[in-house]
């Protein structure tokens, strides 16, 4: 059975963007994370030490968002994947990072990047 943990709509404020104003003032991002690992040991014994501590993960990402300063959501999303991979050593990670209000004249949508890391 394939099982993954999904964490939705993590709100992050980060200084990411091409415009200088975006990097100085920052802006809102939304993050969805999908995490694959062996959840069977947790399932069998109801052992919280055998699963992903998602409260810790959310706090790490919120703390990291205060330190980020870059031009692209591509770089920011890569930093997120690297942090998750380093902290938790999972078999697969998928992140969807969304810039909630991109400063594009006449555009009211959102822009997202999807990154997937598969570990062997």
C-alpha atoms as a PDB file:
ATOM      1  CA  UNK A   1       0.000   0.000   0.000  1.00  0.00           C
ATOM      2  CA  UNK A   2       1.385   3.401  -0.953  1.00  0.00           C
ATOM      3  CA  UNK A   3       1.093   5.933   1.847  1.00  0.00           C
ATOM      4  CA  UNK A   4       2.222   9.519   2.004  1.00  0.00           C
ATOM      5  CA  UNK A   5       1.756  12.404   4.379  1.00  0.00           C
ATOM      6  CA  UNK A   6       0.312  15.619   2.942  1.00  0.00           C
ATOM      7  CA  UNK A   7       0.756  18.973   4.659  1.00  0.00           C
ATOM      8  CA  UNK A   8      -1.328  21.681   3.015  1.00  0.00           C
ATOM      9  CA  UNK A   9      -1.302  25.438   2.846  1.00  0.00           C
ATOM     10  CA  UNK A  10       1.710  26.294   4.978  1.00  0.00           C
ATOM     11  CA  UNK A  11       1.773  30.094   4.871  1.00  0.00           C
ATOM     12  CA  UNK A  12       5.289  31.502   4.491  1.00  0.00           C
ATOM     13  CA  UNK A  13       6.472  35.093   4.179  1.00  0.00           C
ATOM     14  CA  UNK A  14       9.699  35.286   2.190  1.00  0.00           C
ATOM     15  CA  UNK A  15      11.795  37.816   0.301  1.00  0.00           C
ATOM     16  CA  UNK A  16      11.755  36.195  -3.119  1.00  0.00           C
ATOM     17  CA  UNK A  17      11.233  37.878  -6.457  1.00  0.00           C
ATOM     18  CA  UNK A  18      12.733  39.627  -9.440  1.00  0.00           C
ATOM     19  CA  UNK A  19      11.580  43.049  -8.312  1.00  0.00           C
ATOM     20  CA  UNK A  20      13.700  44.732  -5.660  1.00  0.00           C
ATOM     21  CA  UNK A  21      10.542  45.544  -3.710  1.00  0.00           C
ATOM     22  CA  UNK A  22       9.696  41.817  -3.495  1.00  0.00           C
ATOM     23  CA  UNK A  23      13.089  41.054  -1.978  1.00  0.00           C
ATOM     24  CA  UNK A  24      12.991  44.017   0.409  1.00  0.00           C
ATOM     25  CA  UNK A  25       9.422  43.736   1.687  1.00  0.00           C
ATOM     26  CA  UNK A  26       8.725  40.067   1.085  1.00  0.00           C
ATOM     27  CA  UNK A  27       5.460  38.452   0.104  1.00  0.00           C
ATOM     28  CA  UNK A  28       3.148  35.578   0.889  1.00  0.00           C
ATOM     29  CA  UNK A  29       3.796  32.047  -0.346  1.00  0.00           C
ATOM     30  CA  UNK A  30       1.718  28.931   0.164  1.00  0.00           C
ATOM     31  CA  UNK A  31       3.406  25.539   0.429  1.00  0.00           C
ATOM     32  CA  UNK A  32       1.970  22.047   0.037  1.00  0.00           C
ATOM     33  CA  UNK A  33       4.225  19.115   0.906  1.00  0.00           C
ATOM     34  CA  UNK A  34       3.855  15.400   0.175  1.00  0.00           C
ATOM     35  CA  UNK A  35       6.177  13.042   2.074  1.00  0.00           C
ATOM     36  CA  UNK A  36       6.797   9.356   1.412  1.00  0.00           C
ATOM     37  CA  UNK A  37       8.448   7.076   3.940  1.00  0.00           C
ATOM     38  CA  UNK A  38       7.811   3.745   5.636  1.00  0.00           C
ATOM     39  CA  UNK A  39       4.834   4.521   7.855  1.00  0.00           C
ATOM     40  CA  UNK A  40       4.238   0.848   8.736  1.00  0.00           C
ATOM     41  CA  UNK A  41       6.217   0.903  11.994  1.00  0.00           C
ATOM     42  CA  UNK A  42       4.180   3.861  13.182  1.00  0.00           C
ATOM     43  CA  UNK A  43       0.969   2.206  12.014  1.00  0.00           C
ATOM     44  CA  UNK A  44       1.686  -1.128  13.707  1.00  0.00           C
ATOM     45  CA  UNK A  45       2.670   0.256  17.101  1.00  0.00           C
ATOM     46  CA  UNK A  46       1.084   3.709  17.040  1.00  0.00           C
ATOM     47  CA  UNK A  47       4.605   5.008  17.742  1.00  0.00           C
ATOM     48  CA  UNK A  48       4.923   8.759  17.151  1.00  0.00           C
ATOM     49  CA  UNK A  49       8.710   8.396  17.055  1.00  0.00           C
ATOM     50  CA  UNK A  50       8.387   6.311  13.868  1.00  0.00           C
ATOM     51  CA  UNK A  51       6.696   8.976  11.773  1.00  0.00           C
ATOM     52  CA  UNK A  52       7.407  12.486  10.519  1.00  0.00           C
ATOM     53  CA  UNK A  53       7.068  15.228  13.118  1.00  0.00           C
ATOM     54  CA  UNK A  54       5.209  17.659  10.888  1.00  0.00           C
ATOM     55  CA  UNK A  55       4.940  20.319  13.609  1.00  0.00           C
ATOM     56  CA  UNK A  56       8.749  20.406  13.705  1.00  0.00           C
ATOM     57  CA  UNK A  57       8.906  20.520   9.901  1.00  0.00           C
ATOM     58  CA  UNK A  58       6.470  23.440   9.666  1.00  0.00           C
ATOM     59  CA  UNK A  59       8.431  25.398  12.274  1.00  0.00           C
ATOM     60  CA  UNK A  60      11.746  24.747  10.488  1.00  0.00           C
ATOM     61  CA  UNK A  61      10.286  25.995   7.199  1.00  0.00           C
ATOM     62  CA  UNK A  62       8.758  29.095   8.816  1.00  0.00           C
ATOM     63  CA  UNK A  63      12.106  29.921  10.435  1.00  0.00           C
ATOM     64  CA  UNK A  64      13.957  29.354   7.151  1.00  0.00           C
ATOM     65  CA  UNK A  65      11.551  31.587   5.229  1.00  0.00           C
ATOM     66  CA  UNK A  66      12.676  34.568   7.317  1.00  0.00           C
ATOM     67  CA  UNK A  67      16.265  34.057   6.115  1.00  0.00           C
ATOM     68  CA  UNK A  68      15.665  33.467   2.399  1.00  0.00           C
ATOM     69  CA  UNK A  69      16.575  36.174  -0.086  1.00  0.00           C
ATOM     70  CA  UNK A  70      16.603  35.230  -3.778  1.00  0.00           C
ATOM     71  CA  UNK A  71      15.194  36.073  -7.193  1.00  0.00           C
ATOM     72  CA  UNK A  72      13.264  32.921  -8.153  1.00  0.00           C
ATOM     73  CA  UNK A  73      10.718  30.527  -6.710  1.00  0.00           C
ATOM     74  CA  UNK A  74      12.813  27.816  -8.346  1.00  0.00           C
ATOM     75  CA  UNK A  75      15.713  28.531  -5.984  1.00  0.00           C
ATOM     76  CA  UNK A  76      13.424  28.935  -2.989  1.00  0.00           C
ATOM     77  CA  UNK A  77      11.625  25.652  -3.702  1.00  0.00           C
ATOM     78  CA  UNK A  78      14.966  23.875  -4.065  1.00  0.00           C
ATOM     79  CA  UNK A  79      16.054  25.199  -0.649  1.00  0.00           C
ATOM     80  CA  UNK A  80      12.825  23.823   0.837  1.00  0.00           C
ATOM     81  CA  UNK A  81      13.400  20.378  -0.671  1.00  0.00           C
ATOM     82  CA  UNK A  82      17.000  20.355   0.589  1.00  0.00           C
ATOM     83  CA  UNK A  83      15.907  21.241   4.136  1.00  0.00           C
ATOM     84  CA  UNK A  84      13.265  18.510   4.208  1.00  0.00           C
ATOM     85  CA  UNK A  85      15.670  15.949   2.755  1.00  0.00           C
ATOM     86  CA  UNK A  86      18.394  16.840   5.246  1.00  0.00           C
ATOM     87  CA  UNK A  87      16.101  16.777   8.284  1.00  0.00           C
ATOM     88  CA  UNK A  88      14.014  13.694   7.567  1.00  0.00           C
ATOM     89  CA  UNK A  89      15.720  11.395   5.001  1.00  0.00           C
ATOM     90  CA  UNK A  90      12.528  10.366   3.222  1.00  0.00           C
ATOM     91  CA  UNK A  91      12.120   8.132   0.190  1.00  0.00           C
ATOM     92  CA  UNK A  92      10.262  10.775  -1.831  1.00  0.00           C
ATOM     93  CA  UNK A  93       9.412  14.451  -1.381  1.00  0.00           C
ATOM     94  CA  UNK A  94       7.057  16.576  -3.450  1.00  0.00           C
ATOM     95  CA  UNK A  95       6.597  20.286  -2.831  1.00  0.00           C
ATOM     96  CA  UNK A  96       4.275  22.766  -4.466  1.00  0.00           C
ATOM     97  CA  UNK A  97       5.388  26.323  -3.755  1.00  0.00           C
ATOM     98  CA  UNK A  98       2.910  29.007  -4.769  1.00  0.00           C
ATOM     99  CA  UNK A  99       3.508  32.725  -5.075  1.00  0.00           C
ATOM    100  CA  UNK A 100       0.103  33.968  -3.957  1.00  0.00           C
ATOM    101  CA  UNK A 101       0.122  37.475  -5.441  1.00  0.00           C
ATOM    102  CA  UNK A 102       2.716  37.775  -8.203  1.00  0.00           C
ATOM    103  CA  UNK A 103       3.183  41.391  -9.288  1.00  0.00           C
ATOM    104  CA  UNK A 104       2.051  40.976 -12.895  1.00  0.00           C
ATOM    105  CA  UNK A 105      -0.097  43.732 -14.363  1.00  0.00           C
ATOM    106  CA  UNK A 106      -3.549  42.476 -15.332  1.00  0.00           C
ATOM    107  CA  UNK A 107      -3.008  39.032 -13.724  1.00  0.00           C
ATOM    108  CA  UNK A 108      -4.958  37.976 -10.649  1.00  0.00           C
ATOM    109  CA  UNK A 109      -3.817  34.343 -10.539  1.00  0.00           C
ATOM    110  CA  UNK A 110      -1.090  32.505  -8.714  1.00  0.00           C
ATOM    111  CA  UNK A 111       2.190  30.999  -9.888  1.00  0.00           C
ATOM    112  CA  UNK A 112       3.453  27.662  -8.584  1.00  0.00           C
ATOM    113  CA  UNK A 113       6.428  25.407  -9.014  1.00  0.00           C
ATOM    114  CA  UNK A 114       6.299  21.674  -8.345  1.00  0.00           C
ATOM    115  CA  UNK A 115       9.485  19.842  -7.345  1.00  0.00           C
ATOM    116  CA  UNK A 116       9.864  16.121  -6.721  1.00  0.00           C
ATOM    117  CA  UNK A 117      12.880  14.410  -5.176  1.00  0.00           C
ATOM    118  CA  UNK A 118      13.158  10.615  -5.199  1.00  0.00           C
ATOM    119  CA  UNK A 119      15.819   9.041  -3.010  1.00  0.00           C
ATOM    120  CA  UNK A 120      17.036   5.525  -3.613  1.00  0.00           C
END
